[in-house]
Amino acid sequence: MTELNIPTMAELLAKEKEPEILFWVGCAGSFDDRAKKITKDFCKILNAVGIEFAILGQEEACTGDPARRAGNEFLFQMMALQNITTLNGYNIKKIVTTCPHCFNTLKNEYPELGGNYEVVHHSQLLQELIDSGKLKMQGGGTFKGKKITFHDSCYLGRANGIYEAPRAVLQQLDADLVEMKRCKTKGLCCGAGGAQMFKEEEKGEQRINQLRTIDMMESGAEVVAAACPFCMTMLSDGLKEKEHQAEVLDLAEIIVSQNQL
């Protein structure tokens, strides 16, 4: 993150400073090449609006979400307690993350182990920045006249009831927001949830991401907006398999492209 001038919590502590927000990068955002682009674009937005933030850097470990979903409760608690010790040591109050899996775990599952923080997903923060006028979307641009659909991540939507924030961001574009037939409370999983991303799939007639690909194609969308790195992988793979030209982009990528940040 040196090219974007992003400090770590340790570096700020040495200067006796505290950030406004801790950006929880997550495993995908740190190591997956596709998700790393989302991480960088989100940081560009935070820098552009003047939000003081920091990351944990090498002190950040996996939240333990995949371990708990796969049934390894001991490993989950071990990883969670390690993170909570780090977060509490820095007196962290507010966390933002681009991953709904991290968001759900930090927000809803860490409190029972002593980790109490205000946790927001980046779609919520982006909506707040737009509503407050701190982030202004340029007219015209890359997405003018295009059909865009939004895929509801399970941990953002059904698990936490966040449906309108990402759509409010997309509605700022000169584009046509269309919905898939299965959306919001009836949205279909991309196929990666419940630790499925990290295990062999069970036998069946069709993969979940193939079913979701059909939904995307039937919507007629030229751009599929996502807000989860796991969904990004599954949706992109499904469209490639069908040789469909729709582009899958995270909300942060859409904003950076539109505003040329």
C-alpha atoms as a PDB file:
ATOM      1  CA  MET A   1       0.000   0.000   0.000  1.00  0.00           C
ATOM      2  CA  THR A   2       3.035   2.267  -0.075  1.00  0.00           C
ATOM      3  CA  GLU A   3       2.202   3.620  -3.554  1.00  0.00           C
ATOM      4  CA  LEU A   4      -1.133   4.902  -2.176  1.00  0.00           C
ATOM      5  CA  ASN A   5       0.451   6.339   0.966  1.00  0.00           C
ATOM      6  CA  ILE A   6      -1.635   4.279   3.381  1.00  0.00           C
ATOM      7  CA  PRO A   7      -0.305   4.096   6.942  1.00  0.00           C
ATOM      8  CA  THR A   8      -0.556   1.107   9.237  1.00  0.00           C
ATOM      9  CA  MET A   9      -1.955   1.383  12.744  1.00  0.00           C
ATOM     10  CA  ALA A  10       1.525   0.723  14.126  1.00  0.00           C
ATOM     11  CA  GLU A  11       2.939   3.646  12.144  1.00  0.00           C
ATOM     12  CA  LEU A  12       0.229   6.007  13.380  1.00  0.00           C
ATOM     13  CA  LEU A  13       0.670   4.841  16.962  1.00  0.00           C
ATOM     14  CA  ALA A  14       4.362   5.716  16.749  1.00  0.00           C
ATOM     15  CA  LYS A  15       3.254   9.259  15.816  1.00  0.00           C
ATOM     16  CA  GLU A  16       0.624   9.279  18.601  1.00  0.00           C
ATOM     17  CA  LYS A  17      -2.196   9.541  16.043  1.00  0.00           C
ATOM     18  CA  GLU A  18      -5.476   7.707  15.618  1.00  0.00           C
ATOM     19  CA  PRO A  19      -7.317   7.307  12.277  1.00  0.00           C
ATOM     20  CA  GLU A  20     -10.976   8.103  11.725  1.00  0.00           C
ATOM     21  CA  ILE A  21     -11.528   4.598  10.329  1.00  0.00           C
ATOM     22  CA  LEU A  22      -9.693   1.288  10.236  1.00  0.00           C
ATOM     23  CA  PHE A  23      -9.913  -0.277   6.791  1.00  0.00           C
ATOM     24  CA  TRP A  24     -10.160  -4.055   7.225  1.00  0.00           C
ATOM     25  CA  VAL A  25      -8.705  -5.338   3.954  1.00  0.00           C
ATOM     26  CA  GLY A  26      -9.539  -9.036   4.318  1.00  0.00           C
ATOM     27  CA  CYS A  27      -7.842 -12.113   2.852  1.00  0.00           C
ATOM     28  CA  ALA A  28      -9.229 -11.685  -0.666  1.00  0.00           C
ATOM     29  CA  GLY A  29      -8.447  -7.982  -0.746  1.00  0.00           C
ATOM     30  CA  SER A  30      -4.895  -8.712   0.362  1.00  0.00           C
ATOM     31  CA  PHE A  31      -3.963 -11.743  -1.723  1.00  0.00           C
ATOM     32  CA  ASP A  32      -6.379 -12.243  -4.643  1.00  0.00           C
ATOM     33  CA  ASP A  33      -5.171 -10.332  -7.708  1.00  0.00           C
ATOM     34  CA  ARG A  34      -8.700  -9.367  -8.784  1.00  0.00           C
ATOM     35  CA  ALA A  35      -9.741  -8.266  -5.294  1.00  0.00           C
ATOM     36  CA  LYS A  36      -6.533  -6.277  -4.793  1.00  0.00           C
ATOM     37  CA  LYS A  37      -7.719  -3.889  -7.504  1.00  0.00           C
ATOM     38  CA  ILE A  38     -10.902  -3.295  -5.495  1.00  0.00           C
ATOM     39  CA  THR A  39      -8.812  -2.602  -2.397  1.00  0.00           C
ATOM     40  CA  LYS A  40      -6.717  -0.035  -4.230  1.00  0.00           C
ATOM     41  CA  ASP A  41      -9.726   1.688  -5.806  1.00  0.00           C
ATOM     42  CA  PHE A  42     -11.515   1.953  -2.469  1.00  0.00           C
ATOM     43  CA  CYS A  43      -8.391   3.508  -0.957  1.00  0.00           C
ATOM     44  CA  LYS A  44      -8.298   6.013  -3.831  1.00  0.00           C
ATOM     45  CA  ILE A  45     -11.843   7.060  -2.927  1.00  0.00           C
ATOM     46  CA  LEU A  46     -11.021   7.445   0.771  1.00  0.00           C
ATOM     47  CA  ASN A  47      -7.995   9.551  -0.110  1.00  0.00           C
ATOM     48  CA  ALA A  48     -10.027  11.667  -2.556  1.00  0.00           C
ATOM     49  CA  VAL A  49     -12.644  12.596   0.072  1.00  0.00           C
ATOM     50  CA  GLY A  50     -10.049  13.207   2.780  1.00  0.00           C
ATOM     51  CA  ILE A  51     -10.942  10.440   5.224  1.00  0.00           C
ATOM     52  CA  GLU A  52      -8.093   9.613   7.580  1.00  0.00           C
ATOM     53  CA  PHE A  53      -7.759   5.842   7.679  1.00  0.00           C
ATOM     54  CA  ALA A  54      -5.224   3.120   8.324  1.00  0.00           C
ATOM     55  CA  ILE A  55      -4.815  -0.618   7.890  1.00  0.00           C
ATOM     56  CA  LEU A  56      -3.396  -3.266  10.192  1.00  0.00           C
ATOM     57  CA  GLY A  57      -1.008  -4.544   7.527  1.00  0.00           C
ATOM     58  CA  GLN A  58       0.721  -7.742   8.598  1.00  0.00           C
ATOM     59  CA  GLU A  59      -1.089  -7.637  11.940  1.00  0.00           C
ATOM     60  CA  GLU A  60      -4.394  -8.396  10.217  1.00  0.00           C
ATOM     61  CA  ALA A  61      -5.340 -12.088  10.197  1.00  0.00           C
ATOM     62  CA  CYS A  62      -8.335 -13.847   8.652  1.00  0.00           C
ATOM     63  CA  THR A  63     -11.528 -13.123  10.607  1.00  0.00           C
ATOM     64  CA  GLY A  64     -12.119 -16.868  10.907  1.00  0.00           C
ATOM     65  CA  ASP A  65     -15.319 -16.794   8.841  1.00  0.00           C
ATOM     66  CA  PRO A  66     -14.392 -19.707   6.534  1.00  0.00           C
ATOM     67  CA  ALA A  67     -13.327 -21.817   9.530  1.00  0.00           C
ATOM     68  CA  ARG A  68     -16.637 -21.289  11.346  1.00  0.00           C
ATOM     69  CA  ARG A  69     -18.722 -21.922   8.215  1.00  0.00           C
ATOM     70  CA  ALA A  70     -16.770 -25.140   7.614  1.00  0.00           C
ATOM     71  CA  GLY A  71     -17.475 -26.280  11.185  1.00  0.00           C
ATOM     72  CA  ASN A  72     -14.115 -25.634  12.855  1.00  0.00           C
ATOM     73  CA  GLU A  73     -15.311 -23.570  15.824  1.00  0.00           C
ATOM     74  CA  PHE A  74     -12.032 -23.913  17.703  1.00  0.00           C
ATOM     75  CA  LEU A  75     -10.034 -22.408  14.837  1.00  0.00           C
ATOM     76  CA  PHE A  76     -12.582 -19.604  14.420  1.00  0.00           C
ATOM     77  CA  GLN A  77     -12.363 -18.587  18.073  1.00  0.00           C
ATOM     78  CA  MET A  78      -8.577 -18.764  18.044  1.00  0.00           C
ATOM     79  CA  MET A  79      -8.361 -16.459  15.012  1.00  0.00           C
ATOM     80  CA  ALA A  80     -11.085 -14.136  16.287  1.00  0.00           C
ATOM     81  CA  LEU A  81      -9.456 -13.694  19.691  1.00  0.00           C
ATOM     82  CA  GLN A  82      -6.131 -12.925  18.048  1.00  0.00           C
ATOM     83  CA  ASN A  83      -7.760 -10.176  15.967  1.00  0.00           C
ATOM     84  CA  ILE A  84      -9.779  -8.815  18.873  1.00  0.00           C
ATOM     85  CA  THR A  85      -6.628  -8.514  20.986  1.00  0.00           C
ATOM     86  CA  THR A  86      -4.987  -6.537  18.170  1.00  0.00           C
ATOM     87  CA  LEU A  87      -8.024  -4.306  17.560  1.00  0.00           C
ATOM     88  CA  ASN A  88      -8.599  -3.575  21.241  1.00  0.00           C
ATOM     89  CA  GLY A  89      -4.912  -2.868  21.672  1.00  0.00           C
ATOM     90  CA  TYR A  90      -5.240  -0.055  19.137  1.00  0.00           C
ATOM     91  CA  ASN A  91      -8.516   1.170  20.678  1.00  0.00           C
ATOM     92  CA  ILE A  92     -10.344   0.702  17.372  1.00  0.00           C
ATOM     93  CA  LYS A  93     -13.868   2.145  17.305  1.00  0.00           C
ATOM     94  CA  LYS A  94     -14.934   2.085  13.630  1.00  0.00           C
ATOM     95  CA  ILE A  95     -14.115  -0.436  10.904  1.00  0.00           C
ATOM     96  CA  VAL A  96     -14.945  -0.411   7.186  1.00  0.00           C
ATOM     97  CA  THR A  97     -14.474  -3.407   4.910  1.00  0.00           C
ATOM     98  CA  THR A  98     -15.140  -4.278   1.267  1.00  0.00           C
ATOM     99  CA  CYS A  99     -15.927  -7.922   2.121  1.00  0.00           C
ATOM    100  CA  PRO A 100     -19.439  -8.853   3.360  1.00  0.00           C
ATOM    101  CA  HIS A 101     -18.035 -12.009   4.978  1.00  0.00           C
ATOM    102  CA  CYS A 102     -15.603  -9.941   7.071  1.00  0.00           C
ATOM    103  CA  PHE A 103     -18.358  -7.379   7.680  1.00  0.00           C
ATOM    104  CA  ASN A 104     -20.808  -9.962   9.022  1.00  0.00           C
ATOM    105  CA  THR A 105     -18.230 -11.677  11.230  1.00  0.00           C
ATOM    106  CA  LEU A 106     -16.756  -8.482  12.706  1.00  0.00           C
ATOM    107  CA  LYS A 107     -20.185  -6.909  13.240  1.00  0.00           C
ATOM    108  CA  ASN A 108     -22.283  -9.816  14.455  1.00  0.00           C
ATOM    109  CA  GLU A 109     -19.935 -12.507  15.780  1.00  0.00           C
ATOM    110  CA  TYR A 110     -16.989 -10.714  17.395  1.00  0.00           C
ATOM    111  CA  PRO A 111     -19.063  -8.993  20.143  1.00  0.00           C
ATOM    112  CA  GLU A 112     -19.684 -12.316  21.911  1.00  0.00           C
ATOM    113  CA  LEU A 113     -15.904 -12.682  22.226  1.00  0.00           C
ATOM    114  CA  GLY A 114     -15.245  -9.132  23.423  1.00  0.00           C
ATOM    115  CA  GLY A 115     -14.844  -7.322  20.107  1.00  0.00           C
ATOM    116  CA  ASN A 116     -17.324  -4.445  20.006  1.00  0.00           C
ATOM    117  CA  TYR A 117     -16.926  -2.050  17.101  1.00  0.00           C
ATOM    118  CA  GLU A 118     -18.962   0.048  14.697  1.00  0.00           C
ATOM    119  CA  VAL A 119     -18.619  -1.939  11.483  1.00  0.00           C
ATOM    120  CA  VAL A 120     -19.760  -0.648   8.089  1.00  0.00           C
ATOM    121  CA  HIS A 121     -19.603  -2.147   4.638  1.00  0.00           C
ATOM    122  CA  HIS A 122     -18.025  -0.001   1.950  1.00  0.00           C
ATOM    123  CA  SER A 123     -21.354   0.271   0.094  1.00  0.00           C
ATOM    124  CA  GLN A 124     -22.833   1.963   3.164  1.00  0.00           C
ATOM    125  CA  LEU A 125     -19.901   4.361   3.490  1.00  0.00           C
ATOM    126  CA  LEU A 126     -20.032   5.187  -0.230  1.00  0.00           C
ATOM    127  CA  GLN A 127     -23.738   6.014   0.064  1.00  0.00           C
ATOM    128  CA  GLU A 128     -23.031   8.247   3.090  1.00  0.00           C
ATOM    129  CA  LEU A 129     -20.289  10.085   1.197  1.00  0.00           C
ATOM    130  CA  ILE A 130     -22.594  10.663  -1.779  1.00  0.00           C
ATOM    131  CA  ASP A 131     -25.546  11.771   0.405  1.00  0.00           C
ATOM    132  CA  SER A 132     -23.343  14.209   2.318  1.00  0.00           C
ATOM    133  CA  GLY A 133     -21.938  15.688  -0.887  1.00  0.00           C
ATOM    134  CA  LYS A 134     -18.368  14.669  -0.089  1.00  0.00           C
ATOM    135  CA  LEU A 135     -18.343  12.319  -3.070  1.00  0.00           C
ATOM    136  CA  LYS A 136     -19.862  13.736  -6.242  1.00  0.00           C
ATOM    137  CA  MET A 137     -20.422  11.531  -9.246  1.00  0.00           C
ATOM    138  CA  GLN A 138     -19.459  12.910 -12.640  1.00  0.00           C
ATOM    139  CA  GLY A 139     -22.190  13.012 -15.276  1.00  0.00           C
ATOM    140  CA  GLY A 140     -21.916  11.059 -18.530  1.00  0.00           C
ATOM    141  CA  GLY A 141     -18.772   8.991 -18.485  1.00  0.00           C
ATOM    142  CA  THR A 142     -18.071   5.290 -18.807  1.00  0.00           C
ATOM    143  CA  PHE A 143     -21.508   3.966 -17.900  1.00  0.00           C
ATOM    144  CA  LYS A 144     -23.785   6.445 -19.667  1.00  0.00           C
ATOM    145  CA  GLY A 145     -26.718   4.642 -21.271  1.00  0.00           C
ATOM    146  CA  LYS A 146     -25.603   1.197 -20.144  1.00  0.00           C
ATOM    147  CA  LYS A 147     -27.775  -1.333 -18.342  1.00  0.00           C
ATOM    148  CA  ILE A 148     -26.412  -2.192 -14.904  1.00  0.00           C
ATOM    149  CA  THR A 149     -27.676  -4.855 -12.512  1.00  0.00           C
ATOM    150  CA  PHE A 150     -26.656  -5.458  -8.901  1.00  0.00           C
ATOM    151  CA  HIS A 151     -25.990  -8.879  -7.404  1.00  0.00           C
ATOM    152  CA  ASP A 152     -26.966  -9.106  -3.728  1.00  0.00           C
ATOM    153  CA  SER A 153     -24.291 -10.808  -1.646  1.00  0.00           C
ATOM    154  CA  CYS A 154     -25.866 -13.179   0.891  1.00  0.00           C
ATOM    155  CA  TYR A 155     -23.968 -11.729   3.857  1.00  0.00           C
ATOM    156  CA  LEU A 156     -24.767  -8.167   2.809  1.00  0.00           C
ATOM    157  CA  GLY A 157     -28.382  -8.750   1.863  1.00  0.00           C
ATOM    158  CA  ARG A 158     -30.244 -11.555   3.604  1.00  0.00           C
ATOM    159  CA  ALA A 159     -27.899 -11.711   6.594  1.00  0.00           C
ATOM    160  CA  ASN A 160     -27.779  -7.975   7.288  1.00  0.00           C
ATOM    161  CA  GLY A 161     -30.642  -6.410   5.331  1.00  0.00           C
ATOM    162  CA  ILE A 162     -28.467  -4.065   3.262  1.00  0.00           C
ATOM    163  CA  TYR A 163     -30.163  -3.709  -0.104  1.00  0.00           C
ATOM    164  CA  GLU A 164     -30.584  -0.013  -0.784  1.00  0.00           C
ATOM    165  CA  ALA A 165     -27.077   1.360  -0.103  1.00  0.00           C
ATOM    166  CA  PRO A 166     -25.403  -0.248  -3.138  1.00  0.00           C
ATOM    167  CA  ARG A 167     -28.357   0.602  -5.377  1.00  0.00           C
ATOM    168  CA  ALA A 168     -28.303   4.214  -4.179  1.00  0.00           C
ATOM    169  CA  VAL A 169     -24.687   4.425  -5.369  1.00  0.00           C
ATOM    170  CA  LEU A 170     -25.550   2.993  -8.792  1.00  0.00           C
ATOM    171  CA  GLN A 171     -28.513   5.330  -9.192  1.00  0.00           C
ATOM    172  CA  GLN A 172     -26.054   8.238  -9.295  1.00  0.00           C
ATOM    173  CA  LEU A 173     -24.825   7.032 -12.680  1.00  0.00           C
ATOM    174  CA  ASP A 174     -26.243   8.009 -16.082  1.00  0.00           C
ATOM    175  CA  ALA A 175     -27.172   4.372 -16.485  1.00  0.00           C
ATOM    176  CA  ASP A 176     -30.248   2.157 -16.449  1.00  0.00           C
ATOM    177  CA  LEU A 177     -30.412   0.083 -13.239  1.00  0.00           C
ATOM    178  CA  VAL A 178     -32.220  -3.186 -13.974  1.00  0.00           C
ATOM    179  CA  GLU A 179     -32.989  -5.969 -11.511  1.00  0.00           C
ATOM    180  CA  MET A 180     -32.485  -9.688 -11.935  1.00  0.00           C
ATOM    181  CA  LYS A 181     -35.598 -11.795 -11.418  1.00  0.00           C
ATOM    182  CA  ARG A 182     -34.059 -13.087  -8.172  1.00  0.00           C
ATOM    183  CA  CYS A 183     -32.929 -10.068  -6.185  1.00  0.00           C
ATOM    184  CA  LYS A 184     -32.983  -8.464  -2.726  1.00  0.00           C
ATOM    185  CA  THR A 185     -34.701 -10.811  -0.221  1.00  0.00           C
ATOM    186  CA  LYS A 186     -35.102 -13.425  -2.962  1.00  0.00           C
ATOM    187  CA  GLY A 187     -31.571 -13.048  -4.306  1.00  0.00           C
ATOM    188  CA  LEU A 188     -29.625 -16.151  -5.337  1.00  0.00           C
ATOM    189  CA  CYS A 189     -26.269 -17.043  -3.793  1.00  0.00           C
ATOM    190  CA  CYS A 190     -23.237 -16.893  -6.099  1.00  0.00           C
ATOM    191  CA  GLY A 191     -22.177 -20.342  -4.887  1.00  0.00           C
ATOM    192  CA  ALA A 192     -19.208 -19.352  -2.711  1.00  0.00           C
ATOM    193  CA  GLY A 193     -20.880 -18.876   0.675  1.00  0.00           C
ATOM    194  CA  GLY A 194     -20.713 -21.223   3.648  1.00  0.00           C
ATOM    195  CA  ALA A 195     -17.023 -21.939   2.938  1.00  0.00           C
ATOM    196  CA  GLN A 196     -17.978 -23.452  -0.439  1.00  0.00           C
ATOM    197  CA  MET A 197     -15.267 -21.240  -1.957  1.00  0.00           C
ATOM    198  CA  PHE A 198     -12.626 -23.385  -0.288  1.00  0.00           C
ATOM    199  CA  LYS A 199     -13.955 -26.927  -0.699  1.00  0.00           C
ATOM    200  CA  GLU A 200     -14.875 -29.404  -3.374  1.00  0.00           C
ATOM    201  CA  GLU A 201     -18.422 -29.000  -4.619  1.00  0.00           C
ATOM    202  CA  GLU A 202     -21.082 -31.625  -4.001  1.00  0.00           C
ATOM    203  CA  LYS A 203     -22.471 -33.524  -6.963  1.00  0.00           C
ATOM    204  CA  GLY A 204     -25.517 -31.957  -8.569  1.00  0.00           C
ATOM    205  CA  GLU A 205     -27.141 -31.150 -11.868  1.00  0.00           C
ATOM    206  CA  GLN A 206     -25.842 -27.581 -12.107  1.00  0.00           C
ATOM    207  CA  ARG A 207     -23.456 -25.246 -10.301  1.00  0.00           C
ATOM    208  CA  ILE A 208     -24.988 -22.338  -8.403  1.00  0.00           C
ATOM    209  CA  ASN A 209     -22.897 -19.767 -10.246  1.00  0.00           C
ATOM    210  CA  GLN A 210     -24.167 -21.186 -13.550  1.00  0.00           C
ATOM    211  CA  LEU A 211     -27.749 -20.575 -12.418  1.00  0.00           C
ATOM    212  CA  ARG A 212     -26.818 -17.052 -11.370  1.00  0.00           C
ATOM    213  CA  THR A 213     -25.139 -16.479 -14.724  1.00  0.00           C
ATOM    214  CA  ILE A 214     -28.440 -17.223 -16.454  1.00  0.00           C
ATOM    215  CA  ASP A 215     -30.126 -14.613 -14.216  1.00  0.00           C
ATOM    216  CA  MET A 216     -27.483 -12.049 -15.185  1.00  0.00           C
ATOM    217  CA  MET A 217     -27.818 -12.783 -18.889  1.00  0.00           C
ATOM    218  CA  GLU A 218     -31.623 -12.636 -18.800  1.00  0.00           C
ATOM    219  CA  SER A 219     -31.479  -9.188 -17.176  1.00  0.00           C
ATOM    220  CA  GLY A 220     -29.845  -7.811 -20.308  1.00  0.00           C
ATOM    221  CA  ALA A 221     -27.240  -6.000 -18.224  1.00  0.00           C
ATOM    222  CA  GLU A 222     -23.952  -4.947 -19.784  1.00  0.00           C
ATOM    223  CA  VAL A 223     -22.403  -4.384 -16.368  1.00  0.00           C
ATOM    224  CA  VAL A 224     -22.916  -6.511 -13.245  1.00  0.00           C
ATOM    225  CA  ALA A 225     -22.174  -4.597 -10.058  1.00  0.00           C
ATOM    226  CA  ALA A 226     -20.979  -6.574  -7.046  1.00  0.00           C
ATOM    227  CA  ALA A 227     -19.880  -5.716  -3.525  1.00  0.00           C
ATOM    228  CA  CYS A 228     -18.129  -8.924  -2.455  1.00  0.00           C
ATOM    229  CA  PRO A 229     -14.800 -10.395  -3.636  1.00  0.00           C
ATOM    230  CA  PHE A 230     -16.119 -13.962  -3.477  1.00  0.00           C
ATOM    231  CA  CYS A 231     -19.165 -13.041  -5.578  1.00  0.00           C
ATOM    232  CA  MET A 232     -16.825 -11.264  -7.983  1.00  0.00           C
ATOM    233  CA  THR A 233     -14.933 -14.503  -8.629  1.00  0.00           C
ATOM    234  CA  MET A 234     -17.993 -16.713  -9.000  1.00  0.00           C
ATOM    235  CA  LEU A 235     -19.914 -14.307 -11.244  1.00  0.00           C
ATOM    236  CA  SER A 236     -16.902 -13.628 -13.456  1.00  0.00           C
ATOM    237  CA  ASP A 237     -16.222 -17.354 -13.855  1.00  0.00           C
ATOM    238  CA  GLY A 238     -19.847 -18.013 -14.771  1.00  0.00           C
ATOM    239  CA  LEU A 239     -19.906 -15.318 -17.450  1.00  0.00           C
ATOM    240  CA  LYS A 240     -16.587 -16.497 -18.910  1.00  0.00           C
ATOM    241  CA  GLU A 241     -17.907 -20.040 -19.127  1.00  0.00           C
ATOM    242  CA  LYS A 242     -20.907 -18.775 -21.107  1.00  0.00           C
ATOM    243  CA  GLU A 243     -18.603 -16.508 -23.179  1.00  0.00           C
ATOM    244  CA  HIS A 244     -20.848 -13.588 -22.264  1.00  0.00           C
ATOM    245  CA  GLN A 245     -19.475 -10.072 -22.577  1.00  0.00           C
ATOM    246  CA  ALA A 246     -21.026  -8.509 -19.454  1.00  0.00           C
ATOM    247  CA  GLU A 247     -18.418  -6.948 -17.175  1.00  0.00           C
ATOM    248  CA  VAL A 248     -18.368  -7.590 -13.405  1.00  0.00           C
ATOM    249  CA  LEU A 249     -17.220  -4.607 -11.337  1.00  0.00           C
ATOM    250  CA  ASP A 250     -17.184  -3.696  -7.673  1.00  0.00           C
ATOM    251  CA  LEU A 251     -18.911  -0.480  -6.586  1.00  0.00           C
ATOM    252  CA  ALA A 252     -15.535   1.084  -5.778  1.00  0.00           C
ATOM    253  CA  GLU A 253     -14.231   0.280  -9.256  1.00  0.00           C
ATOM    254  CA  ILE A 254     -17.321   1.824 -10.830  1.00  0.00           C
ATOM    255  CA  ILE A 255     -16.881   5.061  -8.864  1.00  0.00           C
ATOM    256  CA  VAL A 256     -13.164   5.335  -9.667  1.00  0.00           C
ATOM    257  CA  SER A 257     -13.819   4.688 -13.358  1.00  0.00           C
ATOM    258  CA  GLN A 258     -16.711   7.163 -13.487  1.00  0.00           C
ATOM    259  CA  ASN A 259     -14.881   9.927 -11.648  1.00  0.00           C
ATOM    260  CA  GLN A 260     -11.454   9.123 -13.132  1.00  0.00           C
ATOM    261  CA  LEU A 261      -9.816   9.105  -9.695  1.00  0.00           C
END
